Amino acid sequence: MNGNQSKRRLEEKIYERQVGICKAFANPTRLRILDLVAQRDYPVSDILRYLSISKANLSQHLAILKAAGVVVTHRDGQRVYCHLAIPEVKKACALIRDVLRAQIRNGRQLAV
């Protein structure tokens, strides 16, 4: 395999991971979870109360975020905490919101 083929394979892997992250971000509940855990380590029990969703539903959302590699959980005694796996996720979410604010300022309609 030459250098160009290796580079293309690496880029293809990056695109595949980007799709996975974008799919994980494509849900309002998961975005709210990301906003919470971007602030600090958040106890899962507090996330449950804040979002008013079932434990099973939160578990599903966290599984998707964990599979995408954007959040991790850890146990401290009886409490389970959730936090960002990498700080760049916070920057990525902020950047997306900045793009949306710019679209709104420029009078663009958002297709929903």
Protein backbone atom coordinates (compact mmCIF):
# COMPACT_ATOMS: atom_id res chain seq x y z
CA MET A 1 0.00 0.00 0.00
CA ASN A 2 1.44 3.36 -0.97
CA GLY A 3 1.23 6.63 0.96
CA ASN A 4 -1.80 7.95 -0.93
CA GLN A 5 -3.81 4.78 -0.28
CA SER A 6 -2.90 4.90 3.39
CA LYS A 7 -3.95 8.53 3.62
CA ARG A 8 -7.28 7.79 1.90
CA ARG A 9 -7.99 4.91 4.29
CA LEU A 10 -7.26 7.14 7.27
CA GLU A 11 -9.54 9.86 5.90
CA GLU A 12 -12.28 7.28 5.27
CA LYS A 13 -12.02 6.11 8.90
CA ILE A 14 -12.27 9.71 10.07
CA TYR A 15 -15.39 10.28 7.92
CA GLU A 16 -16.97 7.13 9.34
CA ARG A 17 -16.31 8.29 12.89
CA GLN A 18 -17.63 11.74 12.05
CA VAL A 19 -20.88 10.16 10.87
CA GLY A 20 -21.14 8.27 14.16
CA ILE A 21 -20.61 11.43 16.20
CA CYS A 22 -23.06 13.42 14.09
CA LYS A 23 -25.69 10.69 14.55
CA ALA A 24 -25.08 10.79 18.30
CA PHE A 25 -25.54 14.59 18.25
CA ALA A 26 -28.74 14.31 16.20
CA ASN A 27 -31.11 14.15 19.16
CA PRO A 28 -32.26 17.01 21.41
CA THR A 29 -32.06 14.92 24.59
CA ARG A 30 -28.49 13.88 23.85
CA LEU A 31 -27.54 17.49 23.12
CA ARG A 32 -28.99 18.50 26.48
CA ILE A 33 -26.95 15.74 28.14
CA LEU A 34 -23.83 17.03 26.41
CA ASP A 35 -24.56 20.57 27.60
CA LEU A 36 -24.84 19.33 31.18
CA VAL A 37 -21.74 17.17 31.23
CA ALA A 38 -19.71 19.86 29.46
CA GLN A 39 -20.07 21.94 32.64
CA ARG A 40 -18.70 19.34 35.06
CA ASP A 41 -18.89 15.69 36.06
CA TYR A 42 -22.62 15.15 36.41
CA PRO A 43 -24.23 12.44 38.52
CA VAL A 44 -26.49 10.30 36.36
CA SER A 45 -29.24 10.66 38.99
CA ASP A 46 -29.11 14.46 38.57
CA ILE A 47 -29.29 14.13 34.79
CA LEU A 48 -32.40 11.97 35.23
CA ARG A 49 -34.09 14.59 37.40
CA TYR A 50 -33.05 17.49 35.17
CA LEU A 51 -34.32 15.88 31.96
CA SER A 52 -37.38 14.19 33.50
CA ILE A 53 -36.85 11.01 31.49
CA SER A 54 -36.87 7.38 32.54
CA LYS A 55 -33.75 5.60 33.66
CA ALA A 56 -34.04 3.21 30.70
CA ASN A 57 -34.30 6.13 28.26
CA LEU A 58 -31.26 7.87 29.77
CA SER A 59 -29.35 4.61 29.64
CA GLN A 60 -30.07 4.32 25.91
CA HIS A 61 -28.96 7.89 25.24
CA LEU A 62 -25.77 7.45 27.27
CA ALA A 63 -25.00 4.20 25.43
CA ILE A 64 -25.18 6.04 22.11
CA LEU A 65 -22.98 8.88 23.35
CA LYS A 66 -20.49 6.42 24.84
CA ALA A 67 -20.39 4.34 21.64
CA ALA A 68 -19.59 7.52 19.70
CA GLY A 69 -16.74 8.16 22.14
CA VAL A 70 -18.00 11.53 23.35
CA VAL A 71 -18.92 10.71 26.96
CA VAL A 72 -17.63 8.35 29.61
CA THR A 73 -19.01 7.30 32.96
CA HIS A 74 -17.29 6.42 36.19
CA ARG A 75 -18.44 5.22 39.57
CA ASP A 76 -17.64 6.90 42.87
CA GLY A 77 -19.10 4.78 45.63
CA GLN A 78 -22.75 4.28 44.79
CA ARG A 79 -22.99 7.22 42.40
CA VAL A 80 -22.32 7.05 38.68
CA TYR A 81 -20.97 10.19 37.04
CA CYS A 82 -20.92 11.18 33.41
CA HIS A 83 -18.43 13.53 31.75
CA LEU A 84 -17.07 14.44 28.34
CA ALA A 85 -14.52 12.00 27.00
CA ILE A 86 -12.64 14.81 25.25
CA PRO A 87 -12.97 18.57 25.82
CA GLU A 88 -13.16 19.27 22.08
CA VAL A 89 -16.77 18.02 22.15
CA LYS A 90 -17.74 21.14 24.08
CA LYS A 91 -16.07 23.31 21.43
CA ALA A 92 -17.77 21.38 18.61
CA CYS A 93 -21.23 21.85 20.14
CA ALA A 94 -20.58 25.56 20.70
CA LEU A 95 -19.40 25.94 17.10
CA ILE A 96 -22.56 24.29 15.75
CA ARG A 97 -24.72 26.61 17.88
CA ASP A 98 -22.72 29.61 16.58
CA VAL A 99 -23.46 28.51 13.00
CA LEU A 100 -27.16 28.24 13.82
CA ARG A 101 -27.18 31.68 15.47
CA ALA A 102 -25.51 33.14 12.37
CA GLN A 103 -28.15 31.54 10.15
CA ILE A 104 -30.90 33.03 12.28
CA ARG A 105 -29.23 36.46 12.28
CA ASN A 106 -28.95 36.29 8.51
CA GLY A 107 -32.65 35.49 8.24
CA ARG A 108 -32.24 31.96 6.93
CA GLN A 109 -35.07 29.57 7.61
CA LEU A 110 -34.09 26.37 9.37
CA ALA A 111 -35.48 23.22 7.82
CA VAL A 112 -36.78 20.95 10.54
